[in-house]
Protein backbone atom coordinates (compact mmCIF):
# COMPACT_ATOMS: atom_id res chain seq x y z
CA UNK A 1 54.26 -17.90 224.48
CA UNK A 2 53.80 -14.29 223.45
CA UNK A 3 52.82 -11.98 226.26
CA UNK A 4 55.04 -13.64 228.87
CA UNK A 5 57.47 -11.39 230.72
CA UNK A 6 61.05 -12.65 230.26
CA UNK A 7 61.89 -12.03 233.90
CA UNK A 8 58.80 -13.98 234.99
CA UNK A 9 59.63 -16.74 232.55
CA UNK A 10 63.10 -17.16 234.05
CA UNK A 11 61.82 -16.60 237.59
CA UNK A 12 64.27 -13.79 238.38
CA UNK A 13 63.89 -10.20 239.52
CA UNK A 14 64.51 -7.23 237.24
CA UNK A 15 67.68 -6.51 239.20
CA UNK A 16 69.08 -10.03 238.70
CA UNK A 17 72.74 -10.34 237.81
CA UNK A 18 74.02 -12.06 234.68
CA UNK A 19 75.11 -15.02 236.80
CA UNK A 20 71.62 -15.36 238.33
CA UNK A 21 70.02 -15.23 234.89
CA UNK A 22 72.37 -17.91 233.57
CA UNK A 23 71.76 -20.15 236.58
CA UNK A 24 67.98 -19.77 236.27
CA UNK A 25 68.14 -20.60 232.56
CA UNK A 26 70.17 -23.75 233.12
CA UNK A 27 67.78 -24.98 235.84
CA UNK A 28 64.68 -24.39 233.69
CA UNK A 29 66.23 -25.82 230.54
CA UNK A 30 66.56 -29.20 232.25
CA UNK A 31 62.80 -29.45 232.86
CA UNK A 32 61.43 -27.47 229.89
CA UNK A 33 63.46 -29.15 227.14
CA UNK A 34 61.25 -31.25 224.79
CA UNK A 35 63.21 -34.36 225.75
CA UNK A 36 62.30 -33.74 229.42
CA UNK A 37 58.56 -33.37 228.84
CA UNK A 38 58.42 -29.73 227.70
CA UNK A 39 57.32 -28.42 224.33
CA UNK A 40 59.34 -26.94 221.50
CA UNK A 41 57.46 -23.63 221.68
CA UNK A 42 58.02 -23.25 225.41
CA UNK A 43 61.71 -24.04 225.12
CA UNK A 44 62.16 -21.54 222.28
CA UNK A 45 60.60 -18.85 224.44
CA UNK A 46 62.95 -19.77 227.27
CA UNK A 47 65.95 -19.48 224.94
CA UNK A 48 64.74 -16.14 223.61
CA UNK A 49 64.34 -14.83 227.15
CA UNK A 50 67.84 -15.92 228.10
CA UNK A 51 69.45 -14.54 224.93
CA UNK A 52 67.75 -11.20 225.48
CA UNK A 53 68.48 -10.76 229.18
CA UNK A 54 72.05 -12.09 228.99
CA UNK A 55 72.99 -9.41 226.42
CA UNK A 56 73.38 -6.01 228.19
CA UNK A 57 72.33 -4.01 225.10
CA UNK A 58 69.28 -6.13 224.32
CA UNK A 59 68.35 -6.26 228.00
CA UNK A 60 68.42 -2.48 228.29
CA UNK A 61 66.25 -2.20 225.17
CA UNK A 62 63.83 -4.79 226.56
CA UNK A 63 63.57 -2.89 229.85
CA UNK A 64 62.69 0.25 227.88
CA UNK A 65 60.01 -1.62 225.94
CA UNK A 66 61.94 -1.54 222.64
CA UNK A 67 61.05 -5.09 221.59
CA UNK A 68 62.60 -5.00 218.11
CA UNK A 69 66.01 -4.05 219.47
CA UNK A 70 65.63 -6.48 222.37
CA UNK A 71 65.06 -9.44 220.06
CA UNK A 72 67.72 -8.22 217.64
CA UNK A 73 65.49 -8.77 214.60
CA UNK A 74 63.19 -6.63 212.50
CA UNK A 75 59.81 -7.68 211.10
CA UNK A 76 61.56 -9.44 208.20
CA UNK A 77 63.96 -11.39 210.40
CA UNK A 78 66.99 -9.20 209.66
CA UNK A 79 69.25 -7.48 212.18
CA UNK A 80 68.22 -4.00 213.38
CA UNK A 81 70.03 -1.12 214.94
CA UNK A 82 69.33 -0.01 218.46
CA UNK A 83 66.47 2.44 218.60
CA UNK A 84 65.34 4.76 221.34
CA UNK A 85 61.83 4.61 222.66
CA UNK A 86 60.10 6.61 225.33
CA UNK A 87 59.66 5.19 228.78
CA UNK A 88 56.04 6.24 229.05
CA UNK A 89 53.64 4.01 230.94
CA UNK A 90 51.66 3.35 227.77
CA UNK A 91 54.70 1.67 226.15
CA UNK A 92 54.87 -1.17 228.69
CA UNK A 93 53.02 -4.38 227.88
CA UNK A 94 50.36 -5.75 230.17
CA UNK A 95 51.52 -9.14 231.44
CA UNK A 96 48.52 -9.88 233.66
CA UNK A 97 45.40 -11.90 232.91
CA UNK A 98 43.31 -10.81 229.94
CA UNK A 99 39.67 -10.55 231.07
CA UNK A 100 38.48 -10.89 227.47
CA UNK A 101 40.56 -13.94 226.65
CA UNK A 102 38.84 -17.31 226.24
CA UNK A 103 41.22 -20.29 226.04
CA UNK A 104 40.71 -22.74 223.18
CA UNK A 105 38.65 -25.79 224.05
CA UNK A 106 40.89 -28.77 224.83
CA UNK A 107 40.64 -31.69 222.42
CA UNK A 108 42.72 -34.64 223.68
CA UNK A 109 43.54 -37.23 221.02
CA UNK A 110 41.97 -40.57 221.96
CA UNK A 111 44.56 -42.35 219.83
CA UNK A 112 47.17 -41.34 222.41
CA UNK A 113 45.12 -42.49 225.41
CA UNK A 114 46.25 -45.98 226.38
CA UNK A 115 43.30 -46.52 228.70
CA UNK A 116 40.70 -45.49 226.11
CA UNK A 117 40.76 -48.77 224.17
CA UNK A 118 41.30 -50.86 227.31
CA UNK A 119 37.90 -49.83 228.70
CA UNK A 120 34.75 -51.58 227.50
CA UNK A 121 31.84 -49.13 227.88
CA UNK A 122 29.36 -52.04 227.67
CA UNK A 123 30.90 -53.95 230.57
CA UNK A 124 28.35 -54.88 233.28
CA UNK A 125 28.52 -52.66 236.34
CA UNK A 126 29.38 -54.26 239.67
CA UNK A 127 28.22 -52.65 242.89
CA UNK A 128 30.22 -52.72 246.12
CA UNK A 129 29.98 -53.46 248.95
CA UNK A 130 28.33 -56.62 247.64
CA UNK A 131 24.59 -56.63 248.18
CA UNK A 132 23.25 -59.55 250.23
CA UNK A 133 20.18 -61.39 248.99
CA UNK A 134 17.32 -61.36 251.44
CA UNK A 135 16.74 -64.48 253.48
CA UNK A 136 13.38 -65.08 251.85
CA UNK A 137 14.85 -64.93 248.35
CA UNK A 138 17.61 -67.39 249.21
CA UNK A 139 15.31 -69.86 251.00
CA UNK A 140 12.73 -69.70 248.23
CA UNK A 141 15.33 -70.46 245.56
CA UNK A 142 16.90 -73.30 247.52
CA UNK A 143 13.50 -74.75 248.46
CA UNK A 144 12.22 -74.70 244.89
CA UNK A 145 15.33 -76.45 243.62
CA UNK A 146 15.20 -79.00 246.47
CA UNK A 147 11.69 -80.04 245.43
CA UNK A 148 13.19 -81.62 242.34
CA UNK A 149 15.50 -83.87 244.36
CA UNK A 150 12.88 -86.61 245.19
CA UNK A 151 11.98 -86.85 241.51
CA UNK A 152 15.66 -87.26 240.64
CA UNK A 153 16.22 -90.01 243.26
CA UNK A 154 13.15 -91.98 242.15
CA UNK A 155 14.41 -92.26 238.60
CA UNK A 156 16.24 -95.35 237.35
CA UNK A 157 18.97 -93.06 236.01
CA UNK A 158 19.25 -91.16 239.28
CA UNK A 159 23.12 -91.03 239.40
CA UNK A 160 23.23 -89.12 236.11
CA UNK A 161 20.24 -86.95 237.02
CA UNK A 162 21.78 -86.17 240.41
CA UNK A 163 24.91 -84.87 238.72
CA UNK A 164 22.78 -82.79 236.39
CA UNK A 165 20.82 -81.51 239.40
CA UNK A 166 23.98 -80.48 241.25
CA UNK A 167 25.68 -78.75 238.33
CA UNK A 168 23.48 -75.58 238.30
CA UNK A 169 23.86 -75.20 242.07
CA UNK A 170 27.66 -75.46 241.84
CA UNK A 171 27.71 -73.04 238.89
CA UNK A 172 25.63 -70.44 240.74
CA UNK A 173 27.84 -70.75 243.83
CA UNK A 174 30.94 -70.22 241.68
CA UNK A 175 29.49 -67.17 239.94
CA UNK A 176 28.45 -65.70 243.28
CA UNK A 177 32.01 -66.06 244.54
CA UNK A 178 33.99 -65.10 241.44
CA UNK A 179 31.75 -62.96 239.22
CA UNK A 180 28.72 -61.69 241.15
CA UNK A 181 28.01 -59.04 238.48
CA UNK A 182 26.52 -61.81 236.32
CA UNK A 183 23.91 -62.72 238.92
CA UNK A 184 20.48 -61.06 238.90
CA UNK A 185 20.66 -57.82 240.94
CA UNK A 186 19.73 -58.09 244.59
CA UNK A 187 17.03 -55.84 246.00
CA UNK A 188 19.60 -53.28 247.21
CA UNK A 189 21.03 -52.99 243.72
CA UNK A 190 17.56 -52.69 242.21
CA UNK A 191 16.70 -49.91 244.65
CA UNK A 192 19.93 -48.06 243.78
CA UNK A 193 19.20 -48.28 240.05
CA UNK A 194 15.62 -47.18 240.61
CA UNK A 195 16.75 -44.09 242.54
CA UNK A 196 19.67 -42.97 240.39
CA UNK A 197 19.13 -44.82 237.13
CA UNK A 198 22.02 -44.65 234.72
CA UNK A 199 22.83 -41.01 235.47
CA UNK A 200 26.57 -40.35 235.59
CA UNK A 201 26.78 -36.57 236.18
CA UNK A 202 25.47 -34.72 239.23
CA UNK A 203 25.49 -30.97 239.92
CA UNK A 204 25.93 -27.99 237.59
CA UNK A 205 29.44 -27.29 236.23
CA UNK A 206 28.86 -23.54 236.09
CA UNK A 207 27.19 -23.31 239.48
CA UNK A 208 30.27 -21.96 241.29
CA UNK A 209 31.93 -19.29 239.15
CA UNK A 210 31.10 -20.15 235.57
CA UNK A 211 34.69 -19.68 234.38
CA UNK A 212 35.76 -21.09 231.04
CA UNK A 213 38.23 -23.45 232.72
CA UNK A 214 35.53 -24.94 234.90
CA UNK A 215 33.23 -25.52 231.94
CA UNK A 216 36.04 -27.07 229.92
CA UNK A 217 36.90 -29.51 232.71
CA UNK A 218 33.23 -30.45 233.01
CA UNK A 219 33.22 -31.12 229.28
CA UNK A 220 36.29 -33.36 229.55
CA UNK A 221 34.72 -35.33 232.39
CA UNK A 222 31.50 -35.85 230.43
CA UNK A 223 33.06 -36.59 227.04
CA UNK A 224 35.94 -38.82 228.10
CA UNK A 225 35.55 -40.22 231.62
CA UNK A 226 31.95 -41.37 231.26
CA UNK A 227 33.25 -43.98 228.82
CA UNK A 228 33.90 -45.98 231.99
CA UNK A 229 30.55 -47.53 232.96
CA UNK A 230 31.20 -47.15 236.68
CA UNK A 231 32.19 -43.46 236.67
CA UNK A 232 30.18 -40.89 238.64
CA UNK A 233 30.96 -37.19 238.09
CA UNK A 234 30.11 -34.41 240.56
CA UNK A 235 30.28 -30.62 240.23
CA UNK A 236 30.39 -28.12 243.09
CA UNK A 237 31.21 -30.03 246.29
CA UNK A 238 31.37 -28.64 249.80
CA UNK A 239 33.78 -29.67 252.50
CA UNK A 240 32.28 -31.51 255.48
CA UNK A 241 30.64 -28.86 257.64
CA UNK A 242 30.55 -26.25 254.84
CA UNK A 243 27.65 -24.98 252.74
CA UNK A 244 29.81 -23.51 249.95
CA UNK A 245 31.07 -25.17 246.78
CA UNK A 246 34.67 -25.51 247.95
CA UNK A 247 35.69 -28.07 245.28
CA UNK A 248 35.01 -27.56 241.58
CA UNK A 249 34.65 -31.18 240.47
CA UNK A 250 35.06 -34.77 241.58
CA UNK A 251 35.03 -38.10 239.79
CA UNK A 252 34.40 -41.39 241.56
CA UNK A 253 35.12 -44.80 240.07
CA UNK A 254 35.30 -47.92 242.17
CA UNK A 255 37.30 -47.20 245.32
CA UNK A 256 39.06 -44.13 243.86
CA UNK A 257 37.95 -40.51 244.19
CA UNK A 258 39.69 -37.63 242.38
CA UNK A 259 38.99 -34.07 243.59
CA UNK A 260 39.61 -31.45 240.90
CA UNK A 261 40.05 -27.71 240.70
CA UNK A 262 40.05 -25.74 237.44
CA UNK A 263 42.29 -22.65 237.34
CA UNK A 264 42.92 -19.93 234.75
CA UNK A 265 46.47 -18.73 235.37
CA UNK A 266 49.20 -17.01 233.38
CA UNK A 267 50.92 -19.05 230.68
CA UNK A 268 54.06 -20.83 231.79
CA UNK A 269 55.50 -24.12 233.01
CA UNK A 270 53.95 -25.38 236.27
CA UNK A 271 55.20 -27.96 238.74
CA UNK A 272 54.57 -28.87 242.38
CA UNK A 273 57.02 -29.81 245.10
CA UNK A 274 56.51 -32.84 247.33
CA UNK A 275 55.05 -30.56 250.02
CA UNK A 276 52.52 -29.10 247.57
CA UNK A 277 54.34 -25.81 246.84
CA UNK A 278 53.40 -24.63 243.35
CA UNK A 279 56.09 -23.35 241.02
CA UNK A 280 55.84 -21.47 237.75
CA UNK A 281 58.86 -21.44 235.46
CA UNK A 282 60.97 -22.72 238.33
CA UNK A 283 60.09 -19.95 240.81
CA UNK A 284 57.54 -20.08 243.61
CA UNK A 285 54.14 -19.29 242.13
CA UNK A 286 52.46 -16.25 243.68
CA UNK A 287 49.81 -15.59 241.07
CA UNK A 288 47.10 -17.73 242.62
CA UNK A 289 46.41 -20.37 245.21
CA UNK A 290 44.46 -23.52 245.90
CA UNK A 291 42.93 -25.09 248.98
CA UNK A 292 42.57 -28.44 247.27
CA UNK A 293 45.11 -30.16 249.60
CA UNK A 294 42.88 -29.25 252.56
CA UNK A 295 39.86 -30.65 250.73
CA UNK A 296 41.70 -33.88 250.02
CA UNK A 297 42.55 -34.27 253.70
CA UNK A 298 38.92 -33.62 254.69
CA UNK A 299 37.56 -36.21 252.24
CA UNK A 300 40.12 -38.79 253.27
CA UNK A 301 38.82 -38.48 256.80
CA UNK A 302 35.23 -38.65 255.55
CA UNK A 303 35.78 -41.76 253.37
CA UNK A 304 37.90 -44.26 255.26
CA UNK A 305 38.08 -47.03 252.66
CA UNK A 306 38.34 -44.81 249.56
CA UNK A 307 41.59 -43.64 247.96
CA UNK A 308 41.31 -39.84 247.59
CA UNK A 309 43.72 -37.84 245.38
CA UNK A 310 43.65 -34.43 243.70
CA UNK A 311 44.35 -32.77 240.36
CA UNK A 312 44.82 -29.10 239.46
CA UNK A 313 43.82 -28.48 235.84
CA UNK A 314 45.28 -25.21 234.51
CA UNK A 315 44.13 -23.15 231.52
CA UNK A 316 45.84 -19.97 230.23
CA UNK A 317 44.33 -16.65 231.36
CA UNK A 318 45.78 -14.87 228.33
CA UNK A 319 47.36 -15.81 225.01
CA UNK A 320 50.16 -18.29 225.60
CA UNK A 321 50.84 -21.90 226.47
CA UNK A 322 50.45 -23.88 229.69
CA UNK A 323 52.84 -26.78 230.25
CA UNK A 324 53.34 -29.08 233.22
CA UNK A 325 55.76 -31.87 233.97
CA UNK A 326 55.34 -34.86 236.24
CA UNK A 327 55.30 -33.92 239.93
CA UNK A 328 56.44 -36.06 242.88
CA UNK A 329 53.94 -38.78 243.76
CA UNK A 330 53.57 -37.23 247.22
CA UNK A 331 52.36 -33.89 245.80
CA UNK A 332 48.72 -33.63 246.98
CA UNK A 333 47.38 -31.72 243.95
CA UNK A 334 49.78 -31.80 240.98
CA UNK A 335 49.22 -29.20 238.23
CA UNK A 336 48.17 -30.67 234.89
CA UNK A 337 47.33 -29.54 231.41
CA UNK A 338 43.85 -30.61 230.22
CA UNK A 339 45.42 -33.24 227.96
CA UNK A 340 47.65 -34.55 230.76
CA UNK A 341 44.65 -34.66 233.08
CA UNK A 342 42.64 -36.87 230.71
CA UNK A 343 45.62 -39.14 230.12
CA UNK A 344 46.89 -39.59 233.68
CA UNK A 345 43.66 -39.48 235.69
CA UNK A 346 41.89 -41.64 233.11
CA UNK A 347 44.59 -44.30 233.41
CA UNK A 348 44.35 -44.10 237.21
CA UNK A 349 40.58 -44.62 237.27
CA UNK A 350 40.55 -47.28 234.54
CA UNK A 351 41.84 -49.87 237.01
CA UNK A 352 38.23 -50.41 238.16
CA UNK A 353 36.21 -48.98 235.27
CA UNK A 354 32.94 -50.80 235.97
CA UNK A 355 32.67 -50.65 239.77
CA UNK A 356 30.33 -48.38 241.73
CA UNK A 357 30.86 -47.98 245.46
CA UNK A 358 27.33 -47.26 246.68
CA UNK A 359 28.29 -45.93 250.12
CA UNK A 360 30.98 -43.60 248.79
CA UNK A 361 28.65 -42.42 246.03
CA UNK A 362 25.91 -41.43 248.48
CA UNK A 363 28.42 -39.69 250.76
CA UNK A 364 29.87 -37.61 247.93
CA UNK A 365 26.45 -36.89 246.39
CA UNK A 366 25.32 -35.45 249.73
CA UNK A 367 28.10 -32.83 249.48
CA UNK A 368 26.93 -31.47 246.08
CA UNK A 369 25.82 -27.86 246.58
CA UNK A 370 22.34 -27.30 245.09
C-alpha cells in the first residue's frame, strides 16, 4: 500500500497522542487482520504505520519526510542512522489521487465463485408475471382435442383410449401449474422476445463520466453476470423525475434489482455502518460521497414488488490496495472490491437465474439515459 499516509491509514490526526495511535491500531487490527477478512499486505502496512508513529524518533523523521529513518531500514534492509532532511514543500509526498493512474483490470477467479457452477446458462427463461393465453387460443386447443372424444367413445377399446386421451390433457395442466417455462410461449412472451430479443445489456457504460472504474464494472457485469440467462444489465439510470444519469449501473434478475456505483478512491480499507456512514481505515471517510442510498429509496418506491439493494464498487485512484470487509446487512450501499462484488452480488442474484420480470424490466429500461 505504498503512497498511503500513515496518519490516514490509522485514522488519526497529526497531533494524535501515543495513546490515541495505539488505540486506533488495536481497533483496525481486529478488522484488517487476514483472519478477519483483510489481506496480508494491508495488515503489514498497518503494522508499519503503527511501528513508525509509536516511536518518537521515527515519527519525527516521518513528519520531516525522511522515510529511510522513519522506517528504520536502508535500501538493503539494514539499520540506518537518523538523517536530517529539509522541510521544503517539494520533499512531502503527494497522498491524493493520481490523475494518470489506471487501476489494473479486475480478474475474479471463477473457481472461487460458488454460484458460477450452480448456474446453467442454457436453462430456459421464464417470464413473470405469467402470461395468460388468449381466450381464442385456449378454446381452439380444447375444441380440437374434444373432437377426438366421439371417436374414442365409439371404439370397442374405449376405456383404454379414454385414458390415453386424458393423459395429455392432465400432463399439460400439470406443466402449466408447475413448470410453465416448458409450454410454448404465449403471445405476450412472443411480443417481448420480438421487441428485445436476447439482448442482455442496455445503455452505454461510458456515457456518464467514462472513468476506468465505471468501464471495469461494466466489463464485470457483461463477462460474469450475463452467464445467468435471466439477467438484464443497464448503464446510466436516472432517478424518477430526473433527466440525468444518477446511477452508474443496475442489474435485474428475477425479482431482484441491484443498483451500483463505481468509485475511484484512495487505497485503504473501507466499511459502512448500519446507517450507511462510510469509513476508511476505521475513520469516517471524507474523501468522497455517494447518493446511492437515495436512489435505492426512490427505486423501492417505484417498484413495489421488487427487492432493491445497492453496491458500491471501489477501485484505487492511485497505486495501492483497496480492501473491504462485510458490512451490516442494513447498510444500504456496502463498499465492495470488484472481486467481492462478483462473488456476493452474483450469489444474491443466482437464486432466480433464469427469470425475467417483464414489468420491472420495462420500468427500469425507461430510466436509461440516452
